[in-house]
Amino acid sequence: MVVKKKAVARPQGATAVKKAPALKDKMTKAQMLTAISDNTGLTKVQVGSVLDELESLVDRSIRKRGVGEFTLPGLLKISTVKRPAKKARKNVPNPFKPGELMDVAAKPASIQVKIRPLKKLKEYAAE
């Protein structure tokens, strides 16, 4: 079953990305919702629901038995990396105190989340 979505009227000039000045302070979630709603013509509630759905998509993509990868096109890629278990080691040279030996504890296998910036995000930081 295909659900049709309502088209939202965009303000004139919203199709082209405008160069806005850099922000001087960090934004709160409420400030972000307000800024996005002002620039897109959506209500704050609609923008909030879009962000909640984005969070849900990321969760479903990287959780256990999920695909293990989520890409926000042009900005970033979130992926999971499986780290194997490490055995305990004894009498390893201590890197902080030369000449001394130390024991290294075992570590269980784990899953880590990696976030890679993509091309557009790197360009934003360089400007």
PDB file of N, CA and C in Angstrom:
ATOM      1  N   MET A   1       0.831  -1.169   0.000  1.00  0.00           N
ATOM      2  CA  MET A   1       0.000   0.000   0.000  1.00  0.00           C
ATOM      3  C   MET A   1       0.881   1.240   0.000  1.00  0.00           C
ATOM      4  N   VAL A   2       0.640   2.146  -0.897  1.00  0.00           N
ATOM      5  CA  VAL A   2       1.423   3.369  -1.014  1.00  0.00           C
ATOM      6  C   VAL A   2       0.637   4.517  -0.394  1.00  0.00           C
ATOM      7  N   VAL A   3       1.290   5.232   0.495  1.00  0.00           N
ATOM      8  CA  VAL A   3       0.652   6.368   1.139  1.00  0.00           C
ATOM      9  C   VAL A   3       1.179   7.630   0.484  1.00  0.00           C
ATOM     10  N   LYS A   4       0.265   8.463  -0.011  1.00  0.00           N
ATOM     11  CA  LYS A   4       0.679   9.711  -0.639  1.00  0.00           C
ATOM     12  C   LYS A   4       0.855  10.767   0.436  1.00  0.00           C
ATOM     13  N   LYS A   5       1.885  11.552   0.292  1.00  0.00           N
ATOM     14  CA  LYS A   5       2.168  12.615   1.253  1.00  0.00           C
ATOM     15  C   LYS A   5       1.748  13.948   0.669  1.00  0.00           C
ATOM     16  N   LYS A   6       1.326  14.841   1.546  1.00  0.00           N
ATOM     17  CA  LYS A   6       0.936  16.169   1.108  1.00  0.00           C
ATOM     18  C   LYS A   6       2.170  16.965   0.703  1.00  0.00           C
ATOM     19  N   ALA A   7       2.036  17.716  -0.352  1.00  0.00           N
ATOM     20  CA  ALA A   7       3.116  18.598  -0.775  1.00  0.00           C
ATOM     21  C   ALA A   7       3.053  19.859   0.082  1.00  0.00           C
ATOM     22  N   VAL A   8       4.211  20.303   0.553  1.00  0.00           N
ATOM     23  CA  VAL A   8       4.280  21.504   1.369  1.00  0.00           C
ATOM     24  C   VAL A   8       4.802  22.639   0.512  1.00  0.00           C
ATOM     25  N   ALA A   9       4.086  23.752   0.551  1.00  0.00           N
ATOM     26  CA  ALA A   9       4.513  24.907  -0.234  1.00  0.00           C
ATOM     27  C   ALA A   9       5.766  25.504   0.381  1.00  0.00           C
ATOM     28  N   ARG A  10       6.787  25.693  -0.422  1.00  0.00           N
ATOM     29  CA  ARG A  10       8.027  26.296   0.051  1.00  0.00           C
ATOM     30  C   ARG A  10       8.004  27.784  -0.220  1.00  0.00           C
ATOM     31  N   PRO A  11       8.643  28.556   0.643  1.00  0.00           N
ATOM     32  CA  PRO A  11       8.743  29.978   0.355  1.00  0.00           C
ATOM     33  C   PRO A  11       9.568  30.202  -0.913  1.00  0.00           C
ATOM     34  N   GLN A  12       9.336  31.303  -1.581  1.00  0.00           N
ATOM     35  CA  GLN A  12      10.071  31.573  -2.811  1.00  0.00           C
ATOM     36  C   GLN A  12      11.558  31.686  -2.508  1.00  0.00           C
ATOM     37  N   GLY A  13      12.367  31.113  -3.373  1.00  0.00           N
ATOM     38  CA  GLY A  13      13.816  31.164  -3.200  1.00  0.00           C
ATOM     39  C   GLY A  13      14.337  30.049  -2.306  1.00  0.00           C
ATOM     40  N   ALA A  14      13.481  29.142  -1.853  1.00  0.00           N
ATOM     41  CA  ALA A  14      13.911  28.076  -0.947  1.00  0.00           C
ATOM     42  C   ALA A  14      14.626  26.955  -1.682  1.00  0.00           C
ATOM     43  N   THR A  15      14.547  26.932  -3.001  1.00  0.00           N
ATOM     44  CA  THR A  15      15.180  25.862  -3.753  1.00  0.00           C
ATOM     45  C   THR A  15      16.696  26.030  -3.800  1.00  0.00           C
ATOM     46  N   ALA A  16      17.173  27.247  -3.834  1.00  0.00           N
ATOM     47  CA  ALA A  16      18.611  27.491  -3.868  1.00  0.00           C
ATOM     48  C   ALA A  16      19.137  27.635  -2.446  1.00  0.00           C
ATOM     49  N   VAL A  17      20.312  27.051  -2.201  1.00  0.00           N
ATOM     50  CA  VAL A  17      20.922  27.143  -0.877  1.00  0.00           C
ATOM     51  C   VAL A  17      21.566  28.517  -0.737  1.00  0.00           C
ATOM     52  N   LYS A  18      21.161  29.227   0.303  1.00  0.00           N
ATOM     53  CA  LYS A  18      21.696  30.563   0.522  1.00  0.00           C
ATOM     54  C   LYS A  18      22.913  30.478   1.439  1.00  0.00           C
ATOM     55  N   LYS A  19      23.889  31.336   1.201  1.00  0.00           N
ATOM     56  CA  LYS A  19      25.063  31.416   2.063  1.00  0.00           C
ATOM     57  C   LYS A  19      24.711  32.276   3.255  1.00  0.00           C
ATOM     58  N   ALA A  20      24.522  31.647   4.388  1.00  0.00           N
ATOM     59  CA  ALA A  20      24.207  32.376   5.614  1.00  0.00           C
ATOM     60  C   ALA A  20      25.502  32.594   6.388  1.00  0.00           C
ATOM     61  N   PRO A  21      25.551  33.618   7.235  1.00  0.00           N
ATOM     62  CA  PRO A  21      26.754  33.848   8.016  1.00  0.00           C
ATOM     63  C   PRO A  21      26.973  32.724   9.043  1.00  0.00           C
ATOM     64  N   ALA A  22      28.203  32.551   9.456  1.00  0.00           N
ATOM     65  CA  ALA A  22      28.540  31.517  10.430  1.00  0.00           C
ATOM     66  C   ALA A  22      27.906  31.843  11.779  1.00  0.00           C
ATOM     67  N   LEU A  23      27.545  30.805  12.519  1.00  0.00           N
ATOM     68  CA  LEU A  23      26.953  30.984  13.841  1.00  0.00           C
ATOM     69  C   LEU A  23      28.057  31.216  14.869  1.00  0.00           C
ATOM     70  N   LYS A  24      27.800  32.092  15.825  1.00  0.00           N
ATOM     71  CA  LYS A  24      28.792  32.412  16.852  1.00  0.00           C
ATOM     72  C   LYS A  24      28.592  31.578  18.122  1.00  0.00           C
ATOM     73  N   ASP A  25      27.361  31.090  18.355  1.00  0.00           N
ATOM     74  CA  ASP A  25      27.058  30.302  19.544  1.00  0.00           C
ATOM     75  C   ASP A  25      26.436  28.967  19.141  1.00  0.00           C
ATOM     76  N   LYS A  26      26.533  27.986  20.052  1.00  0.00           N
ATOM     77  CA  LYS A  26      25.890  26.704  19.808  1.00  0.00           C
ATOM     78  C   LYS A  26      24.387  26.875  19.884  1.00  0.00           C
ATOM     79  N   MET A  27      23.673  26.096  19.083  1.00  0.00           N
ATOM     80  CA  MET A  27      22.215  26.175  19.075  1.00  0.00           C
ATOM     81  C   MET A  27      21.626  25.075  19.940  1.00  0.00           C
ATOM     82  N   THR A  28      20.540  25.392  20.641  1.00  0.00           N
ATOM     83  CA  THR A  28      19.795  24.381  21.365  1.00  0.00           C
ATOM     84  C   THR A  28      18.858  23.683  20.391  1.00  0.00           C
ATOM     85  N   LYS A  29      18.234  22.614  20.843  1.00  0.00           N
ATOM     86  CA  LYS A  29      17.304  21.891  19.978  1.00  0.00           C
ATOM     87  C   LYS A  29      16.134  22.794  19.587  1.00  0.00           C
ATOM     88  N   ALA A  30      15.629  23.575  20.543  1.00  0.00           N
ATOM     89  CA  ALA A  30      14.512  24.476  20.259  1.00  0.00           C
ATOM     90  C   ALA A  30      14.909  25.531  19.229  1.00  0.00           C
ATOM     91  N   GLN A  31      16.126  26.049  19.322  1.00  0.00           N
ATOM     92  CA  GLN A  31      16.598  27.039  18.354  1.00  0.00           C
ATOM     93  C   GLN A  31      16.738  26.418  16.967  1.00  0.00           C
ATOM     94  N   MET A  32      17.204  25.165  16.916  1.00  0.00           N
ATOM     95  CA  MET A  32      17.323  24.481  15.629  1.00  0.00           C
ATOM     96  C   MET A  32      15.952  24.278  15.002  1.00  0.00           C
ATOM     97  N   LEU A  33      14.982  23.826  15.809  1.00  0.00           N
ATOM     98  CA  LEU A  33      13.626  23.618  15.296  1.00  0.00           C
ATOM     99  C   LEU A  33      13.050  24.925  14.755  1.00  0.00           C
ATOM    100  N   THR A  34      13.273  26.017  15.484  1.00  0.00           N
ATOM    101  CA  THR A  34      12.766  27.320  15.052  1.00  0.00           C
ATOM    102  C   THR A  34      13.420  27.754  13.740  1.00  0.00           C
ATOM    103  N   ALA A  35      14.744  27.620  13.655  1.00  0.00           N
ATOM    104  CA  ALA A  35      15.458  28.037  12.445  1.00  0.00           C
ATOM    105  C   ALA A  35      15.015  27.218  11.234  1.00  0.00           C
ATOM    106  N   ILE A  36      14.897  25.903  11.401  1.00  0.00           N
ATOM    107  CA  ILE A  36      14.492  25.049  10.282  1.00  0.00           C
ATOM    108  C   ILE A  36      13.055  25.357   9.877  1.00  0.00           C
ATOM    109  N   SER A  37      12.184  25.559  10.857  1.00  0.00           N
ATOM    110  CA  SER A  37      10.781  25.843  10.524  1.00  0.00           C
ATOM    111  C   SER A  37      10.650  27.193   9.822  1.00  0.00           C
ATOM    112  N   ASP A  38      11.437  28.181  10.234  1.00  0.00           N
ATOM    113  CA  ASP A  38      11.395  29.485   9.569  1.00  0.00           C
ATOM    114  C   ASP A  38      11.877  29.404   8.121  1.00  0.00           C
ATOM    115  N   ASN A  39      12.901  28.588   7.877  1.00  0.00           N
ATOM    116  CA  ASN A  39      13.497  28.514   6.539  1.00  0.00           C
ATOM    117  C   ASN A  39      12.757  27.587   5.584  1.00  0.00           C
ATOM    118  N   THR A  40      11.949  26.665   6.115  1.00  0.00           N
ATOM    119  CA  THR A  40      11.290  25.700   5.239  1.00  0.00           C
ATOM    120  C   THR A  40       9.793  25.916   5.097  1.00  0.00           C
ATOM    121  N   GLY A  41       9.203  26.702   5.977  1.00  0.00           N
ATOM    122  CA  GLY A  41       7.761  26.892   5.909  1.00  0.00           C
ATOM    123  C   GLY A  41       6.985  25.814   6.636  1.00  0.00           C
ATOM    124  N   LEU A  42       7.679  24.883   7.281  1.00  0.00           N
ATOM    125  CA  LEU A  42       7.026  23.854   8.083  1.00  0.00           C
ATOM    126  C   LEU A  42       6.808  24.377   9.493  1.00  0.00           C
ATOM    127  N   THR A  43       5.905  23.744  10.217  1.00  0.00           N
ATOM    128  CA  THR A  43       5.715  24.129  11.613  1.00  0.00           C
ATOM    129  C   THR A  43       6.791  23.467  12.462  1.00  0.00           C
ATOM    130  N   LYS A  44       6.961  23.965  13.688  1.00  0.00           N
ATOM    131  CA  LYS A  44       7.951  23.371  14.594  1.00  0.00           C
ATOM    132  C   LYS A  44       7.603  21.923  14.907  1.00  0.00           C
ATOM    133  N   VAL A  45       6.325  21.639  15.011  1.00  0.00           N
ATOM    134  CA  VAL A  45       5.882  20.273  15.303  1.00  0.00           C
ATOM    135  C   VAL A  45       6.251  19.344  14.142  1.00  0.00           C
ATOM    136  N   GLN A  46       6.059  19.806  12.913  1.00  0.00           N
ATOM    137  CA  GLN A  46       6.412  18.994  11.744  1.00  0.00           C
ATOM    138  C   GLN A  46       7.919  18.767  11.683  1.00  0.00           C
ATOM    139  N   VAL A  47       8.699  19.807  11.950  1.00  0.00           N
ATOM    140  CA  VAL A  47      10.162  19.669  11.932  1.00  0.00           C
ATOM    141  C   VAL A  47      10.596  18.710  13.032  1.00  0.00           C
ATOM    142  N   GLY A  48       9.983  18.817  14.196  1.00  0.00           N
ATOM    143  CA  GLY A  48      10.295  17.903  15.296  1.00  0.00           C
ATOM    144  C   GLY A  48       9.994  16.467  14.931  1.00  0.00           C
ATOM    145  N   SER A  49       8.871  16.241  14.247  1.00  0.00           N
ATOM    146  CA  SER A  49       8.532  14.872  13.850  1.00  0.00           C
ATOM    147  C   SER A  49       9.489  14.352  12.781  1.00  0.00           C
ATOM    148  N   VAL A  50       9.982  15.226  11.904  1.00  0.00           N
ATOM    149  CA  VAL A  50      10.973  14.820  10.903  1.00  0.00           C
ATOM    150  C   VAL A  50      12.270  14.392  11.603  1.00  0.00           C
ATOM    151  N   LEU A  51      12.711  15.171  12.580  1.00  0.00           N
ATOM    152  CA  LEU A  51      13.943  14.813  13.309  1.00  0.00           C
ATOM    153  C   LEU A  51      13.756  13.528  14.106  1.00  0.00           C
ATOM    154  N   ASP A  52      12.578  13.332  14.687  1.00  0.00           N
ATOM    155  CA  ASP A  52      12.296  12.090  15.414  1.00  0.00           C
ATOM    156  C   ASP A  52      12.331  10.896  14.475  1.00  0.00           C
ATOM    157  N   GLU A  53      11.793  11.058  13.267  1.00  0.00           N
ATOM    158  CA  GLU A  53      11.814   9.964  12.300  1.00  0.00           C
ATOM    159  C   GLU A  53      13.236   9.689  11.817  1.00  0.00           C
ATOM    160  N   LEU A  54      14.039  10.735  11.673  1.00  0.00           N
ATOM    161  CA  LEU A  54      15.447  10.552  11.298  1.00  0.00           C
ATOM    162  C   LEU A  54      16.177   9.765  12.379  1.00  0.00           C
ATOM    163  N   GLU A  55      15.904  10.091  13.631  1.00  0.00           N
ATOM    164  CA  GLU A  55      16.499   9.355  14.750  1.00  0.00           C
ATOM    165  C   GLU A  55      16.075   7.892  14.709  1.00  0.00           C
ATOM    166  N   SER A  56      14.816   7.641  14.405  1.00  0.00           N
ATOM    167  CA  SER A  56      14.302   6.281  14.310  1.00  0.00           C
ATOM    168  C   SER A  56      14.985   5.510  13.180  1.00  0.00           C
ATOM    169  N   LEU A  57      15.210   6.164  12.044  1.00  0.00           N
ATOM    170  CA  LEU A  57      15.890   5.513  10.923  1.00  0.00           C
ATOM    171  C   LEU A  57      17.327   5.139  11.281  1.00  0.00           C
ATOM    172  N   VAL A  58      18.016   6.036  11.971  1.00  0.00           N
ATOM    173  CA  VAL A  58      19.390   5.742  12.389  1.00  0.00           C
ATOM    174  C   VAL A  58      19.378   4.557  13.348  1.00  0.00           C
ATOM    175  N   ASP A  59      18.455   4.567  14.304  1.00  0.00           N
ATOM    176  CA  ASP A  59      18.346   3.484  15.276  1.00  0.00           C
ATOM    177  C   ASP A  59      18.110   2.147  14.583  1.00  0.00           C
ATOM    178  N   ARG A  60      17.145   2.107  13.666  1.00  0.00           N
ATOM    179  CA  ARG A  60      16.828   0.865  12.972  1.00  0.00           C
ATOM    180  C   ARG A  60      17.958   0.394  12.075  1.00  0.00           C
ATOM    181  N   SER A  61      18.761   1.316  11.568  1.00  0.00           N
ATOM    182  CA  SER A  61      19.850   0.948  10.659  1.00  0.00           C
ATOM    183  C   SER A  61      21.047   0.358  11.393  1.00  0.00           C
ATOM    184  N   ILE A  62      21.386   0.908  12.555  1.00  0.00           N
ATOM    185  CA  ILE A  62      22.641   0.463  13.199  1.00  0.00           C
ATOM    186  C   ILE A  62      22.425  -0.483  14.366  1.00  0.00           C
ATOM    187  N   ARG A  63      21.200  -0.770  14.730  1.00  0.00           N
ATOM    188  CA  ARG A  63      20.974  -1.672  15.860  1.00  0.00           C
ATOM    189  C   ARG A  63      21.367  -3.096  15.508  1.00  0.00           C
ATOM    190  N   LYS A  64      21.361  -3.956  16.517  1.00  0.00           N
ATOM    191  CA  LYS A  64      21.719  -5.354  16.332  1.00  0.00           C
ATOM    192  C   LYS A  64      20.810  -5.980  15.282  1.00  0.00           C
ATOM    193  N   ARG A  65      21.366  -6.764  14.396  1.00  0.00           N
ATOM    194  CA  ARG A  65      20.687  -7.407  13.269  1.00  0.00           C
ATOM    195  C   ARG A  65      20.163  -6.410  12.242  1.00  0.00           C
ATOM    196  N   GLY A  66      20.612  -5.158  12.315  1.00  0.00           N
ATOM    197  CA  GLY A  66      20.268  -4.161  11.295  1.00  0.00           C
ATOM    198  C   GLY A  66      21.329  -4.187  10.205  1.00  0.00           C
ATOM    199  N   VAL A  67      21.199  -3.289   9.249  1.00  0.00           N
ATOM    200  CA  VAL A  67      22.142  -3.230   8.134  1.00  0.00           C
ATOM    201  C   VAL A  67      23.528  -2.790   8.605  1.00  0.00           C
ATOM    202  N   GLY A  68      23.605  -2.048   9.713  1.00  0.00           N
ATOM    203  CA  GLY A  68      24.895  -1.648  10.266  1.00  0.00           C
ATOM    204  C   GLY A  68      25.465  -0.379   9.669  1.00  0.00           C
ATOM    205  N   GLU A  69      24.684   0.334   8.885  1.00  0.00           N
ATOM    206  CA  GLU A  69      25.193   1.528   8.222  1.00  0.00           C
ATOM    207  C   GLU A  69      24.050   2.490   7.916  1.00  0.00           C
ATOM    208  N   PHE A  70      24.289   3.791   8.113  1.00  0.00           N
ATOM    209  CA  PHE A  70      23.309   4.815   7.778  1.00  0.00           C
ATOM    210  C   PHE A  70      24.053   5.992   7.180  1.00  0.00           C
ATOM    211  N   THR A  71      23.569   6.505   6.048  1.00  0.00           N
ATOM    212  CA  THR A  71      24.214   7.632   5.386  1.00  0.00           C
ATOM    213  C   THR A  71      23.244   8.797   5.299  1.00  0.00           C
ATOM    214  N   LEU A  72      23.678   9.939   5.774  1.00  0.00           N
ATOM    215  CA  LEU A  72      22.953  11.183   5.575  1.00  0.00           C
ATOM    216  C   LEU A  72      23.629  11.802   4.354  1.00  0.00           C
ATOM    217  N   PRO A  73      23.007  11.725   3.179  1.00  0.00           N
ATOM    218  CA  PRO A  73      23.681  12.036   1.912  1.00  0.00           C
ATOM    219  C   PRO A  73      24.458  13.352   1.933  1.00  0.00           C
ATOM    220  N   GLY A  74      25.732  13.241   1.575  1.00  0.00           N
ATOM    221  CA  GLY A  74      26.603  14.401   1.481  1.00  0.00           C
ATOM    222  C   GLY A  74      27.202  14.848   2.791  1.00  0.00           C
ATOM    223  N   LEU A  75      26.617  14.449   3.923  1.00  0.00           N
ATOM    224  CA  LEU A  75      27.101  14.958   5.206  1.00  0.00           C
ATOM    225  C   LEU A  75      27.907  13.943   5.998  1.00  0.00           C
ATOM    226  N   LEU A  76      27.294  12.812   6.347  1.00  0.00           N
ATOM    227  CA  LEU A  76      28.014  11.862   7.179  1.00  0.00           C
ATOM    228  C   LEU A  76      27.518  10.450   6.971  1.00  0.00           C
ATOM    229  N   LYS A  77      28.364   9.519   7.398  1.00  0.00           N
ATOM    230  CA  LYS A  77      28.042   8.102   7.309  1.00  0.00           C
ATOM    231  C   LYS A  77      28.265   7.497   8.688  1.00  0.00           C
ATOM    232  N   ILE A  78      27.239   6.851   9.228  1.00  0.00           N
ATOM    233  CA  ILE A  78      27.315   6.211  10.536  1.00  0.00           C
ATOM    234  C   ILE A  78      27.363   4.709  10.288  1.00  0.00           C
ATOM    235  N   SER A  79      28.359   4.033  10.850  1.00  0.00           N
ATOM    236  CA  SER A  79      28.457   2.595  10.653  1.00  0.00           C
ATOM    237  C   SER A  79      28.900   1.923  11.943  1.00  0.00           C
ATOM    238  N   THR A  80      28.630   0.630  12.042  1.00  0.00           N
ATOM    239  CA  THR A  80      29.063  -0.141  13.201  1.00  0.00           C
ATOM    240  C   THR A  80      30.260  -0.986  12.799  1.00  0.00           C
ATOM    241  N   VAL A  81      31.191  -1.127  13.734  1.00  0.00           N
ATOM    242  CA  VAL A  81      32.402  -1.908  13.503  1.00  0.00           C
ATOM    243  C   VAL A  81      32.521  -2.926  14.624  1.00  0.00           C
ATOM    244  N   LYS A  82      32.650  -4.205  14.263  1.00  0.00           N
ATOM    245  CA  LYS A  82      32.795  -5.262  15.269  1.00  0.00           C
ATOM    246  C   LYS A  82      34.261  -5.382  15.653  1.00  0.00           C
ATOM    247  N   ARG A  83      34.525  -5.247  16.940  1.00  0.00           N
ATOM    248  CA  ARG A  83      35.883  -5.410  17.470  1.00  0.00           C
ATOM    249  C   ARG A  83      35.986  -6.789  18.109  1.00  0.00           C
ATOM    250  N   PRO A  84      36.949  -7.607  17.699  1.00  0.00           N
ATOM    251  CA  PRO A  84      37.079  -8.946  18.277  1.00  0.00           C
ATOM    252  C   PRO A  84      37.589  -8.887  19.715  1.00  0.00           C
ATOM    253  N   ALA A  85      37.383  -9.976  20.441  1.00  0.00           N
ATOM    254  CA  ALA A  85      37.865 -10.070  21.817  1.00  0.00           C
ATOM    255  C   ALA A  85      39.394 -10.121  21.825  1.00  0.00           C
ATOM    256  N   LYS A  86      40.002  -9.608  22.902  1.00  0.00           N
ATOM    257  CA  LYS A  86      41.452  -9.656  23.043  1.00  0.00           C
ATOM    258  C   LYS A  86      41.797 -10.493  24.264  1.00  0.00           C
ATOM    259  N   LYS A  87      42.765 -11.379  24.109  1.00  0.00           N
ATOM    260  CA  LYS A  87      43.182 -12.240  25.203  1.00  0.00           C
ATOM    261  C   LYS A  87      44.035 -11.462  26.193  1.00  0.00           C
ATOM    262  N   ALA A  88      44.076 -11.968  27.428  1.00  0.00           N
ATOM    263  CA  ALA A  88      44.933 -11.364  28.449  1.00  0.00           C
ATOM    264  C   ALA A  88      46.392 -11.656  28.098  1.00  0.00           C
ATOM    265  N   ARG A  89      47.276 -10.713  28.415  1.00  0.00           N
ATOM    266  CA  ARG A  89      48.705 -10.893  28.150  1.00  0.00           C
ATOM    267  C   ARG A  89      49.484 -10.593  29.418  1.00  0.00           C
ATOM    268  N   LYS A  90      50.523 -11.365  29.648  1.00  0.00           N
ATOM    269  CA  LYS A  90      51.354 -11.169  30.843  1.00  0.00           C
ATOM    270  C   LYS A  90      52.762 -10.765  30.427  1.00  0.00           C
ATOM    271  N   ASN A  91      53.405 -10.039  31.319  1.00  0.00           N
ATOM    272  CA  ASN A  91      54.795  -9.605  31.137  1.00  0.00           C
ATOM    273  C   ASN A  91      55.001  -8.816  29.849  1.00  0.00           C
ATOM    274  N   VAL A  92      54.148  -7.832  29.653  1.00  0.00           N
ATOM    275  CA  VAL A  92      54.251  -6.933  28.515  1.00  0.00           C
ATOM    276  C   VAL A  92      55.033  -5.705  28.976  1.00  0.00           C
ATOM    277  N   PRO A  93      55.964  -5.194  28.166  1.00  0.00           N
ATOM    278  CA  PRO A  93      56.704  -3.999  28.582  1.00  0.00           C
ATOM    279  C   PRO A  93      55.755  -2.821  28.818  1.00  0.00           C
ATOM    280  N   ASN A  94      55.955  -2.115  29.918  1.00  0.00           N
ATOM    281  CA  ASN A  94      55.131  -0.964  30.254  1.00  0.00           C
ATOM    282  C   ASN A  94      55.607   0.235  29.437  1.00  0.00           C
ATOM    283  N   PRO A  95      54.741   0.816  28.590  1.00  0.00           N
ATOM    284  CA  PRO A  95      55.180   1.928  27.750  1.00  0.00           C
ATOM    285  C   PRO A  95      55.425   3.213  28.543  1.00  0.00           C
ATOM    286  N   PHE A  96      54.870   3.315  29.748  1.00  0.00           N
ATOM    287  CA  PHE A  96      55.014   4.527  30.542  1.00  0.00           C
ATOM    288  C   PHE A  96      56.183   4.476  31.513  1.00  0.00           C
ATOM    289  N   LYS A  97      56.640   3.251  31.841  1.00  0.00           N
ATOM    290  CA  LYS A  97      57.782   3.089  32.747  1.00  0.00           C
ATOM    291  C   LYS A  97      58.749   2.083  32.127  1.00  0.00           C
ATOM    292  N   PRO A  98      59.685   2.559  31.332  1.00  0.00           N
ATOM    293  CA  PRO A  98      60.616   1.641  30.656  1.00  0.00           C
ATOM    294  C   PRO A  98      61.344   0.741  31.657  1.00  0.00           C
ATOM    295  N   GLY A  99      61.476  -0.511  31.282  1.00  0.00           N
ATOM    296  CA  GLY A  99      62.163  -1.468  32.129  1.00  0.00           C
ATOM    297  C   GLY A  99      61.204  -2.270  33.000  1.00  0.00           C
ATOM    298  N   GLU A 100      59.993  -1.814  33.196  1.00  0.00           N
ATOM    299  CA  GLU A 100      59.019  -2.550  34.001  1.00  0.00           C
ATOM    300  C   GLU A 100      58.120  -3.384  33.094  1.00  0.00           C
ATOM    301  N   LEU A 101      57.608  -4.470  33.658  1.00  0.00           N
ATOM    302  CA  LEU A 101      56.671  -5.319  32.931  1.00  0.00           C
ATOM    303  C   LEU A 101      55.293  -5.181  33.567  1.00  0.00           C
ATOM    304  N   MET A 102      54.263  -5.412  32.769  1.00  0.00           N
ATOM    305  CA  MET A 102      52.905  -5.302  33.294  1.00  0.00           C
ATOM    306  C   MET A 102      52.026  -6.375  32.684  1.00  0.00           C
ATOM    307  N   ASP A 103      50.854  -6.586  33.291  1.00  0.00           N
ATOM    308  CA  ASP A 103      49.878  -7.531  32.774  1.00  0.00           C
ATOM    309  C   ASP A 103      48.747  -6.728  32.127  1.00  0.00           C
ATOM    310  N   VAL A 104      48.274  -7.196  30.970  1.00  0.00           N
ATOM    311  CA  VAL A 104      47.179  -6.539  30.268  1.00  0.00           C
ATOM    312  C   VAL A 104      45.950  -7.435  30.399  1.00  0.00           C
ATOM    313  N   ALA A 105      44.831  -6.865  30.863  1.00  0.00           N
ATOM    314  CA  ALA A 105      43.605  -7.625  31.064  1.00  0.00           C
ATOM    315  C   ALA A 105      42.951  -7.979  29.730  1.00  0.00           C
ATOM    316  N   ALA A 106      42.134  -9.041  29.755  1.00  0.00           N
ATOM    317  CA  ALA A 106      41.380  -9.447  28.569  1.00  0.00           C
ATOM    318  C   ALA A 106      40.250  -8.455  28.329  1.00  0.00           C
ATOM    319  N   LYS A 107      39.868  -8.302  27.062  1.00  0.00           N
ATOM    320  CA  LYS A 107      38.747  -7.432  26.713  1.00  0.00           C
ATOM    321  C   LYS A 107      37.748  -8.248  25.897  1.00  0.00           C
ATOM    322  N   PRO A 108      36.449  -8.136  26.205  1.00  0.00           N
ATOM    323  CA  PRO A 108      35.457  -8.884  25.433  1.00  0.00           C
ATOM    324  C   PRO A 108      35.235  -8.245  24.056  1.00  0.00           C
ATOM    325  N   ALA A 109      34.623  -9.011  23.178  1.00  0.00           N
ATOM    326  CA  ALA A 109      34.273  -8.474  21.852  1.00  0.00           C
ATOM    327  C   ALA A 109      33.254  -7.354  22.038  1.00  0.00           C
ATOM    328  N   SER A 110      33.294  -6.362  21.175  1.00  0.00           N
ATOM    329  CA  SER A 110      32.371  -5.236  21.293  1.00  0.00           C
ATOM    330  C   SER A 110      32.019  -4.695  19.907  1.00  0.00           C
ATOM    331  N   ILE A 111      31.002  -3.851  19.889  1.00  0.00           N
ATOM    332  CA  ILE A 111      30.596  -3.185  18.655  1.00  0.00           C
ATOM    333  C   ILE A 111      30.724  -1.693  18.882  1.00  0.00           C
ATOM    334  N   GLN A 112      31.465  -1.021  18.011  1.00  0.00           N
ATOM    335  CA  GLN A 112      31.660   0.416  18.124  1.00  0.00           C
ATOM    336  C   GLN A 112      30.941   1.132  16.992  1.00  0.00           C
ATOM    337  N   VAL A 113      30.557   2.379  17.254  1.00  0.00           N
ATOM    338  CA  VAL A 113      29.900   3.204  16.243  1.00  0.00           C
ATOM    339  C   VAL A 113      30.933   4.163  15.678  1.00  0.00           C
ATOM    340  N   LYS A 114      31.069   4.177  14.365  1.00  0.00           N
ATOM    341  CA  LYS A 114      31.988   5.087  13.685  1.00  0.00           C
ATOM    342  C   LYS A 114      31.177   6.087  12.868  1.00  0.00           C
ATOM    343  N   ILE A 115      31.571   7.356  12.942  1.00  0.00           N
ATOM    344  CA  ILE A 115      30.911   8.400  12.162  1.00  0.00           C
ATOM    345  C   ILE A 115      31.959   9.052  11.283  1.00  0.00           C
ATOM    346  N   ARG A 116      31.750   8.953   9.964  1.00  0.00           N
ATOM    347  CA  ARG A 116      32.701   9.517   8.998  1.00  0.00           C
ATOM    348  C   ARG A 116      32.093  10.731   8.328  1.00  0.00           C
ATOM    349  N   PRO A 117      32.821  11.831   8.269  1.00  0.00           N
ATOM    350  CA  PRO A 117      32.318  12.987   7.518  1.00  0.00           C
ATOM    351  C   PRO A 117      32.452  12.720   6.020  1.00  0.00           C
ATOM    352  N   LEU A 118      31.487  13.186   5.254  1.00  0.00           N
ATOM    353  CA  LEU A 118      31.541  13.048   3.806  1.00  0.00           C
ATOM    354  C   LEU A 118      31.937  14.384   3.176  1.00  0.00           C
ATOM    355  N   LYS A 119      31.977  14.424   1.866  1.00  0.00           N
ATOM    356  CA  LYS A 119      32.563  15.541   1.130  1.00  0.00           C
ATOM    357  C   LYS A 119      32.003  16.907   1.510  1.00  0.00           C
ATOM    358  N   LYS A 120      30.682  17.067   1.534  1.00  0.00           N
ATOM    359  CA  LYS A 120      30.105  18.377   1.821  1.00  0.00           C
ATOM    360  C   LYS A 120      30.465  18.862   3.221  1.00  0.00           C
ATOM    361  N   LEU A 121      30.448  17.953   4.187  1.00  0.00           N
ATOM    362  CA  LEU A 121      30.772  18.329   5.560  1.00  0.00           C
ATOM    363  C   LEU A 121      32.219  18.784   5.672  1.00  0.00           C
ATOM    364  N   LYS A 122      33.111  18.118   4.952  1.00  0.00           N
ATOM    365  CA  LYS A 122      34.523  18.517   4.950  1.00  0.00           C
ATOM    366  C   LYS A 122      34.685  19.889   4.302  1.00  0.00           C
ATOM    367  N   GLU A 123      33.914  20.140   3.242  1.00  0.00           N
ATOM    368  CA  GLU A 123      33.983  21.446   2.577  1.00  0.00           C
ATOM    369  C   GLU A 123      33.466  22.554   3.481  1.00  0.00           C
ATOM    370  N   TYR A 124      32.403  22.275   4.254  1.00  0.00           N
ATOM    371  CA  TYR A 124      31.867  23.288   5.174  1.00  0.00           C
ATOM    372  C   TYR A 124      32.917  23.687   6.197  1.00  0.00           C
ATOM    373  N   ALA A 125      33.674  22.708   6.699  1.00  0.00           N
ATOM    374  CA  ALA A 125      34.694  22.998   7.722  1.00  0.00           C
ATOM    375  C   ALA A 125      35.863  23.779   7.131  1.00  0.00           C
ATOM    376  N   ALA A 126      36.137  23.599   5.840  1.00  0.00           N
ATOM    377  CA  ALA A 126      37.276  24.245   5.204  1.00  0.00           C
ATOM    378  C   ALA A 126      36.979  25.695   4.835  1.00  0.00           C
ATOM    379  N   GLU A 127      35.701  26.034   4.725  1.00  0.00           N
ATOM    380  CA  GLU A 127      35.354  27.399   4.290  1.00  0.00           C
ATOM    381  C   GLU A 127      35.550  28.397   5.380  1.00  0.00           C
TER     382      GLU A 127
END
